[in-house]
Amino acid sequence: MKDATRQDWRKQLLWGMLLIVFGALVLLDRAELLELDFDLRRIWHYWPWLLVVFGISDMLPPSSPRLFLNGLWKVFFAAWWYVSYEHVWGLSFRDSWPALLIAWGLGLVLRPLLNDYFNSNKEH
């Protein structure tokens, strides 16, 4: 199976599972079998976890440097968003945006290293 096909399959599986779980929870809530409080403001705090799940999905197993770095970027962005939104360590969006520049630079530095690593593993 080609790497792109495998990655597409994995993303489709993840989206499908998330939709099934969300739909089942809402259905159980509407049928009054489960009592959930769907307060969108409260749920908003947890949306970065979707990025973490999709980021880890891109990273494991790493099929290419581009996919690995995209996954790493998603996980970092989700962490940055959470830290900024919840003011962890007293940081806000205004104070913490330079972390995005650092992550971008780190990605630029890691790309050639990961290319070398992936190419050397293909030769074995």
C-alpha atoms as a PDB file:
ATOM      1  CA  MET A   1       0.000   0.000   0.000  1.00  0.00           C
ATOM      2  CA  LYS A   2       1.417   3.361  -0.966  1.00  0.00           C
ATOM      3  CA  ASP A   3       2.150   5.898   1.760  1.00  0.00           C
ATOM      4  CA  ALA A   4      -0.381   8.423   0.409  1.00  0.00           C
ATOM      5  CA  THR A   5      -3.116   5.781   0.214  1.00  0.00           C
ATOM      6  CA  ARG A   6      -2.312   4.588   3.734  1.00  0.00           C
ATOM      7  CA  GLN A   7      -2.440   8.157   5.035  1.00  0.00           C
ATOM      8  CA  ASP A   8      -5.768   8.845   3.291  1.00  0.00           C
ATOM      9  CA  TRP A   9      -7.211   5.645   4.734  1.00  0.00           C
ATOM     10  CA  ARG A  10      -6.026   6.578   8.226  1.00  0.00           C
ATOM     11  CA  LYS A  11      -7.550  10.068   8.017  1.00  0.00           C
ATOM     12  CA  GLN A  12     -10.837   8.675   6.736  1.00  0.00           C
ATOM     13  CA  LEU A  13     -10.879   6.118   9.555  1.00  0.00           C
ATOM     14  CA  LEU A  14     -10.181   8.802  12.154  1.00  0.00           C
ATOM     15  CA  TRP A  15     -12.881  11.155  10.852  1.00  0.00           C
ATOM     16  CA  GLY A  16     -15.322   8.256  10.681  1.00  0.00           C
ATOM     17  CA  MET A  17     -14.609   7.222  14.266  1.00  0.00           C
ATOM     18  CA  LEU A  18     -14.955  10.795  15.523  1.00  0.00           C
ATOM     19  CA  LEU A  19     -18.289  11.230  13.722  1.00  0.00           C
ATOM     20  CA  ILE A  20     -19.595   7.912  15.066  1.00  0.00           C
ATOM     21  CA  VAL A  21     -18.646   8.787  18.653  1.00  0.00           C
ATOM     22  CA  PHE A  22     -20.045  12.318  18.423  1.00  0.00           C
ATOM     23  CA  GLY A  23     -23.261  11.139  16.754  1.00  0.00           C
ATOM     24  CA  ALA A  24     -23.744   8.359  19.311  1.00  0.00           C
ATOM     25  CA  LEU A  25     -23.257  10.794  22.202  1.00  0.00           C
ATOM     26  CA  VAL A  26     -25.748  13.274  20.778  1.00  0.00           C
ATOM     27  CA  LEU A  27     -28.257  10.504  20.013  1.00  0.00           C
ATOM     28  CA  LEU A  28     -27.989   9.084  23.541  1.00  0.00           C
ATOM     29  CA  ASP A  29     -28.406  12.597  24.949  1.00  0.00           C
ATOM     30  CA  ARG A  30     -31.516  13.239  22.812  1.00  0.00           C
ATOM     31  CA  ALA A  31     -32.983   9.868  23.807  1.00  0.00           C
ATOM     32  CA  GLU A  32     -32.384  10.876  27.449  1.00  0.00           C
ATOM     33  CA  LEU A  33     -30.249   7.784  28.038  1.00  0.00           C
ATOM     34  CA  LEU A  34     -27.235   9.939  28.766  1.00  0.00           C
ATOM     35  CA  GLU A  35     -27.256  13.384  30.277  1.00  0.00           C
ATOM     36  CA  LEU A  36     -24.772  15.647  28.557  1.00  0.00           C
ATOM     37  CA  ASP A  37     -24.490  19.365  28.806  1.00  0.00           C
ATOM     38  CA  PHE A  38     -23.542  20.516  25.298  1.00  0.00           C
ATOM     39  CA  ASP A  39     -22.320  23.968  26.156  1.00  0.00           C
ATOM     40  CA  LEU A  40     -20.385  25.053  23.063  1.00  0.00           C
ATOM     41  CA  ARG A  41     -18.305  27.508  25.061  1.00  0.00           C
ATOM     42  CA  ARG A  42     -17.095  24.676  27.266  1.00  0.00           C
ATOM     43  CA  ILE A  43     -16.519  22.298  24.341  1.00  0.00           C
ATOM     44  CA  TRP A  44     -14.501  25.032  22.581  1.00  0.00           C
ATOM     45  CA  HIS A  45     -11.733  24.586  25.146  1.00  0.00           C
ATOM     46  CA  TYR A  46     -11.132  21.023  23.966  1.00  0.00           C
ATOM     47  CA  TRP A  47     -11.029  21.436  20.180  1.00  0.00           C
ATOM     48  CA  PRO A  48      -7.198  21.444  20.129  1.00  0.00           C
ATOM     49  CA  TRP A  49      -7.341  17.750  21.061  1.00  0.00           C
ATOM     50  CA  LEU A  50      -8.646  17.088  17.557  1.00  0.00           C
ATOM     51  CA  LEU A  51      -5.453  18.613  16.201  1.00  0.00           C
ATOM     52  CA  VAL A  52      -3.394  16.477  18.563  1.00  0.00           C
ATOM     53  CA  VAL A  53      -5.168  13.305  17.391  1.00  0.00           C
ATOM     54  CA  PHE A  54      -4.693  14.176  13.721  1.00  0.00           C
ATOM     55  CA  GLY A  55      -1.106  15.287  14.346  1.00  0.00           C
ATOM     56  CA  ILE A  56      -0.219  12.006  16.012  1.00  0.00           C
ATOM     57  CA  SER A  57      -1.982  10.177  13.182  1.00  0.00           C
ATOM     58  CA  ASP A  58       0.341  11.933  10.719  1.00  0.00           C
ATOM     59  CA  MET A  59       3.404  11.130  12.797  1.00  0.00           C
ATOM     60  CA  LEU A  60       2.792   7.413  13.495  1.00  0.00           C
ATOM     61  CA  PRO A  61       4.151   5.540  11.684  1.00  0.00           C
ATOM     62  CA  PRO A  62       6.137   8.214   9.935  1.00  0.00           C
ATOM     63  CA  SER A  63       5.842   7.635   6.229  1.00  0.00           C
ATOM     64  CA  SER A  64       7.553  10.787   5.001  1.00  0.00           C
ATOM     65  CA  PRO A  65       9.345  13.809   6.438  1.00  0.00           C
ATOM     66  CA  ARG A  66       6.552  16.084   5.217  1.00  0.00           C
ATOM     67  CA  LEU A  67       3.822  14.106   6.996  1.00  0.00           C
ATOM     68  CA  PHE A  68       5.895  13.820  10.174  1.00  0.00           C
ATOM     69  CA  LEU A  69       6.543  17.572  10.257  1.00  0.00           C
ATOM     70  CA  ASN A  70       2.883  18.328   9.482  1.00  0.00           C
ATOM     71  CA  GLY A  71       1.873  16.132  12.407  1.00  0.00           C
ATOM     72  CA  LEU A  72       4.431  17.757  14.667  1.00  0.00           C
ATOM     73  CA  TRP A  73       3.166  21.192  13.623  1.00  0.00           C
ATOM     74  CA  LYS A  74      -0.449  20.225  14.426  1.00  0.00           C
ATOM     75  CA  VAL A  75       0.503  18.972  17.890  1.00  0.00           C
ATOM     76  CA  PHE A  76       2.591  22.075  18.598  1.00  0.00           C
ATOM     77  CA  PHE A  77      -0.127  24.427  17.330  1.00  0.00           C
ATOM     78  CA  ALA A  78      -2.733  22.711  19.501  1.00  0.00           C
ATOM     79  CA  ALA A  79      -0.475  23.016  22.541  1.00  0.00           C
ATOM     80  CA  TRP A  80       0.260  26.669  21.769  1.00  0.00           C
ATOM     81  CA  TRP A  81      -3.440  27.444  21.303  1.00  0.00           C
ATOM     82  CA  TYR A  82      -4.328  25.770  24.589  1.00  0.00           C
ATOM     83  CA  VAL A  83      -1.565  27.534  26.522  1.00  0.00           C
ATOM     84  CA  SER A  84      -2.542  30.889  25.018  1.00  0.00           C
ATOM     85  CA  TYR A  85      -6.307  30.478  25.349  1.00  0.00           C
ATOM     86  CA  GLU A  86      -6.170  29.211  28.937  1.00  0.00           C
ATOM     87  CA  HIS A  87      -3.373  31.642  29.925  1.00  0.00           C
ATOM     88  CA  VAL A  88      -1.145  28.829  31.172  1.00  0.00           C
ATOM     89  CA  TRP A  89       2.032  30.272  32.712  1.00  0.00           C
ATOM     90  CA  GLY A  90       0.410  33.695  32.323  1.00  0.00           C
ATOM     91  CA  LEU A  91       0.826  33.605  28.523  1.00  0.00           C
ATOM     92  CA  SER A  92      -1.751  35.017  26.137  1.00  0.00           C
ATOM     93  CA  PHE A  93      -1.882  35.079  22.343  1.00  0.00           C
ATOM     94  CA  ARG A  94      -0.179  38.468  22.384  1.00  0.00           C
ATOM     95  CA  ASP A  95       2.675  37.173  24.535  1.00  0.00           C
ATOM     96  CA  SER A  96       3.186  33.738  23.024  1.00  0.00           C
ATOM     97  CA  TRP A  97       3.020  34.238  19.238  1.00  0.00           C
ATOM     98  CA  PRO A  98       6.851  34.151  18.928  1.00  0.00           C
ATOM     99  CA  ALA A  99       6.609  30.450  19.808  1.00  0.00           C
ATOM    100  CA  LEU A 100       5.020  29.961  16.377  1.00  0.00           C
ATOM    101  CA  LEU A 101       8.092  31.512  14.753  1.00  0.00           C
ATOM    102  CA  ILE A 102      10.319  29.174  16.756  1.00  0.00           C
ATOM    103  CA  ALA A 103       8.248  26.158  15.659  1.00  0.00           C
ATOM    104  CA  TRP A 104       8.367  27.286  12.042  1.00  0.00           C
ATOM    105  CA  GLY A 105      12.154  27.679  12.236  1.00  0.00           C
ATOM    106  CA  LEU A 106      12.473  24.303  13.931  1.00  0.00           C
ATOM    107  CA  GLY A 107      10.498  22.742  11.086  1.00  0.00           C
ATOM    108  CA  LEU A 108      12.815  24.339   8.536  1.00  0.00           C
ATOM    109  CA  VAL A 109      15.855  22.988  10.394  1.00  0.00           C
ATOM    110  CA  LEU A 110      14.396  19.514  10.890  1.00  0.00           C
ATOM    111  CA  ARG A 111      13.231  18.998   7.290  1.00  0.00           C
ATOM    112  CA  PRO A 112      16.704  18.318   5.778  1.00  0.00           C
ATOM    113  CA  LEU A 113      17.647  16.160   8.763  1.00  0.00           C
ATOM    114  CA  LEU A 114      14.482  14.108   8.413  1.00  0.00           C
ATOM    115  CA  ASN A 115      14.985  13.832   4.654  1.00  0.00           C
ATOM    116  CA  ASP A 116      18.448  12.376   5.270  1.00  0.00           C
ATOM    117  CA  TYR A 117      17.081  10.037   7.943  1.00  0.00           C
ATOM    118  CA  PHE A 118      14.236   8.745   5.748  1.00  0.00           C
ATOM    119  CA  ASN A 119      16.519   8.365   2.734  1.00  0.00           C
ATOM    120  CA  SER A 120      19.127   6.437   4.725  1.00  0.00           C
ATOM    121  CA  ASN A 121      16.451   4.075   6.084  1.00  0.00           C
ATOM    122  CA  LYS A 122      15.131   3.379   2.579  1.00  0.00           C
ATOM    123  CA  GLU A 123      18.570   2.188   1.477  1.00  0.00           C
ATOM    124  CA  HIS A 124      18.715  -0.552   4.141  1.00  0.00           C
END
